[in-house]
Structure formats: structure tokens, C-alpha cells
Amino acid sequence: MDGNIDSSGPTVGGPLFENEAVFASVALFSSLMIAYVAYKTVRARSVETEISSPKENGDTVKQQDVVEEPEAGVKVSLYFGSQTGTAEGFAKDIAKAIKPFGYLPKVVDLEDFVPEEMSTVPYAVFLMATYGEGDPTDNALDFFSWLNDSEDSKYETKITENSFKDVKFAVFGLGNKQYEHYNKVGKTLNAKLGQLGGESFYEYGEGDDDDAMEDDFESWSEGLINAFKAMASLDSGDMGPSVAASKEATLSYGYRAISVPAPEDERLASLEGRLDAREVSSRYRESEIKNVDMTSRSFFEATPAKVVVNKELRQSAGEDGFGSTKHIEIDLQGTGVEYHTADNLAICPENDPELVKQAASFLGLNLNEWFHLEYDKYELGPLFPTPCTIKTALTCYISLN
């Protein structure tokens, strides 16, 4: 969490499952399958992006350029400063909640902040985690450098007292009261935006990771969403004719699971779609990889490595409540990964095969079915590498515990 702490089933081309009952832990995955009919080849309706399924020679899905009509609605940018992905998740929750009211929400990693865009954004919501001893998260360092008019700012556009004069803003801070500088980043930003000409349209909020962060956010965001709903009623003339209908719209996760044929590439087929970082980089454009959700990046950056030593250091490990301390050595030769002192290690675990079978059986899924994930443009990017089999998705990318 962000805070101050550093099988019988449908064939290709048909729906991927029939039962609508779902495991709570796979709600997102199952909803992908329920909400949309699968196709061998998908052509987006109207002026949406055209998606083609993997070719028979195993080529990856490619996105074709098409001309898009501008959507009617008021822009809302949801910026997040996040170390572990919690603030990012909150930003996406808000985006999904306000979209039915006719807004055009855009979730933005502060690492990709563009000062010039502030003149075109009427509403901005900031979800800001405090890291370490009152510091911004890594992805928000350049933003704060610009905000404080530091000489080493990477932006050519300089901060002025009117940089946010046309922006209505709201801020939610993510922190931990165990640390001295509780939510310093959120508090500082909330005050700074007002000093730079911004107008607060909703009260500052904050969450405590040491207590009930999710509850704090839910309470704050409920009021925020109601504020957006009220403004949509007042400003419906600026949002276009689709607003009234949008108010009755149902929320969507923004992803579609498309059934595709198994690739003829024998190696890819044998791996059931599991790709290491080098293969991912060859199948996805750099811009796609950059926009992958923070909570999913390890799926795109991971590479297999052999554990050569695994020693238990405690004599009574696991007995009578004693924990376990391991000495583990990993062979990085040939992986393309380099280790430097104080580097972090992320491990991508796999679910128990028996649990995977049970989940697939309950959902009526064919573990050998191949699919591709298509996502709406207001989402940041793909959840995990596809195409892959349902077995790979349930084993490697979905939490079943």
C-alpha cells in the first residue's frame, strides 16, 4: 500500500464462459468474460480503434490507426503520485465512477505530467502518497521540482502564480500516522495549488495506511463523486447531448476479453502465452509498456531466474508460531538483469494448480482457451501480457488466495 512506508468449454469464437457466478477474488477476470461476446476477429464499432486478432503465423495483435471523432464532455485529469500502486487504483476508481455523468476522465501518472496541459484541464484531482520521511513518491519528484520552481526542473515551462488559475482541483493524501510527517505531500500540494491560482471544488481528504486507508478513501470519494454529479447537472450544456443518457449508464471495467486461435508458433504455444521481459518488449510498442498499470508492471518486466540456494536460517522455523528466515541466492546469468546494492526484488508468484482448476470449473472456463485483452482508451493500458491461455491468466496474473 501507498503510505509513508518505504475441462470442457467453449470453442474459439464463442463466449468464454456461461456461468455468471464468480469468485470474489476473480471478479474482474470473470466480468471480462461475462460482459462481452468473444470474436475471432474484432472490429470496433463506429470510429473506435480497430483490433485484429493474432494472425495464424503467431504475430501479435496490432492496433491500426483510425480517425476518431472527439467525444463530448468535460475533461477531468486524475493525477497520481504512487509508490506501490494504491493511489493509482484510487484514481482509476474515480475515473470509472464519474464517466457515466458525461465526464472525460484521464488517469495520469505524475511522471508523465505536462505543465502545458493545465490550461486545457478544467478539473484536476490529485491522489498523492507520502513516501519515506515526508517525501514525494519517485514518480512525483519531477512534478514537485517544477512546482517548487527548482533550477533542476526538467520542464521548460516555468511555474507561475497563475499556473493553475483556470483549474478546479481536489486532493486526497495517502499516508501513515506512524511516521512523523503524516500526509505531508498531500497537505503541501493542497495548499500550493491554491497559492498558484487554483480553486478547490471539494474538500481536502486523507487516508491512514496504519488504520483504514480504504475506508478513508471510500468516505472521501463518495462526496467527491456526488460533487461531480451535481456539477454535471449544472454544466450539462457544456458536456454535450450524451449526458442525460450517460447518467443511466452502468459502470464497466473497461476491458474486453476476445477469444483468439492458438498461435502456430510452437514455442509460444508451449508456453501458453507466458512471456519474459525480452519477449514482451518485442511484442508490445514502447508506448504501451510505458502505460501499463503500476500494479501490473512486474508482469511485463519479469524474467525467469534460477534459484540456486534456498536455506532456512531458523532452527525452529514454522513451529509454535515462529516465522521463517531464508537465505536465497538467484542466478542472474543470461537473464539480462543486473543487481545493484539496495535494489528491490519483485517476485511474481503462481497459484496452486488445483486451485486454478477449481476456479475454472466454477466459472465454466476452458483452461486451454486462448484470449486477448482489449481495453478502453481511458484506461492506462493492458492488465497483463496477452494473448495467453485462461490457464496462464488464472495461474500467473489473478490472485486466488
Foldseek 3Di string as FASTA:
>chain_A
DFAADQADFDDFAFQQFDDPDADPQCVQVLQQRPVDTAGQADQDPDQDWGWGCQDQQRAHIDIDDTDDDDAFAAEEEEEEQGAQFPLQVLSVVLCLLQVLQLHQYAYDYLLPDDLVCLVRHQEYEYEFGAYHQRHGHPSCVLVVCQLVQPPPRPDPDHQDLQSNQRYAYEYEYEYAPVHDCGRNVRVVVVVSSVSSNYHHQAYYFYAHPNPCRPVRSVVRSVVVSVSSNVVSVVVVVRRDDCSVVSNPDDGDPFKHKHFHDQHPPVVCNVVQNQDEQVVLPVRDPPQQLVLARSNQNCLNHHFDWDWPDWDWPDPQDPPPPHHTDIDIDIDCPPGPDDDDPPDDDDDFAWDDLVLLVVNCHVRRGDQSTWIDMDGDPSHRHDRHGDRGGSVCCNTGPTDPD
